[in-house]
Amino acid sequence: MVLEDLGWYVADNLPPELISKMIDLGLESQPRIERLALVMDVRSRLFTGDLGWVVKELESKGVRNRVLFLDASDAVLIQRFESNRRSHPLQNDGQDGTLTEGIAAERIRLAQVKAVADVVIDTTSMSVHQLRRKIEASFSGSDTVMIGVTVQSFGFKYGLPIDADLVCDVRFLPNPHWVPELSAHTGREPAVRDYVLGQDGAQDYLETYHHLLRLTVEGYRREGKSYMTVAVGCTGGKHRSVAMSEALATMLDAHDDLSVRVLHRDVGRE
């Protein structure tokens, strides 16, 4: 999930024989897959832990590769297997068929992988949030993880957007609907936009909400969430919410750590 949120295409539990084919498909696809993560472990009985031939083959194709190895203590691994009531893939191969035997066999099989890994992360004492931040730091390609922000205008009379993380109400501003020369236009047009943004409190509200969103973004980043939807509502979703959404999105788009888009759910609905 972490790598997928960072824009990687992830294939889980891939048999080693299909690695080269998967790479070729990624290189030939349109658009081309630039970042591909292949997850392998002992669930695939054909995986012996020998990645040498895989690395050489990738290098021959001009593919830059990095190996990430996730580890944990035996005690923590036992606790994790018992908590989800799953058996270890190798435990029935041992003499006694115990979970401890399975983990020991896995360590032997994966010793070669750990030895050549570019990144080794010991997850023994990590929370899921700490692990996410560690992987992001290693594979995001940037010191700061990009957060996707959708600013969506809407009309309260049509209901709240069900996917909104935050909702702000701009019905406190005078409604251009009651101004004859503005009523037929939308908040995307200069005359309506200037009317809305020129009202008392409009700029203060934008600046205050912008500050609130920056605080929220940092909290989302710490918690590992990579996107948010901000819903901006007025009565019909045509004038005030549209103008304020456009202005708020412009302010947010000035930040390099945010990817911002604007949607107007109810424009034209009337």
Foldseek 3Di string as FASTA:
>chain_A
DLVVLLVEAEDEADQPVCPVVVQVCQCPDVVHHQHYHYHHACLRVNQQQDCPVVVVVCVVVVHDDAAEAEAEDPVQVVVVCVVVVHAQSCQCVDPVSDNSVSVVVRCVSNVNVVVPGPHYHYCHPPDPLRVSLVVCCVPSPDNAAAAEEEEEEFAPVVPDDPQAPAEDEPQVFDDCCPVVVPNVAFQVDPVLLCRLCVTPPNVVVLVVVLVVVVVVVVVCVSNSHRYGYYYYYHHGQGGNSVSSSVVSQVVVVVDPRYDYDYYRVRHVVD
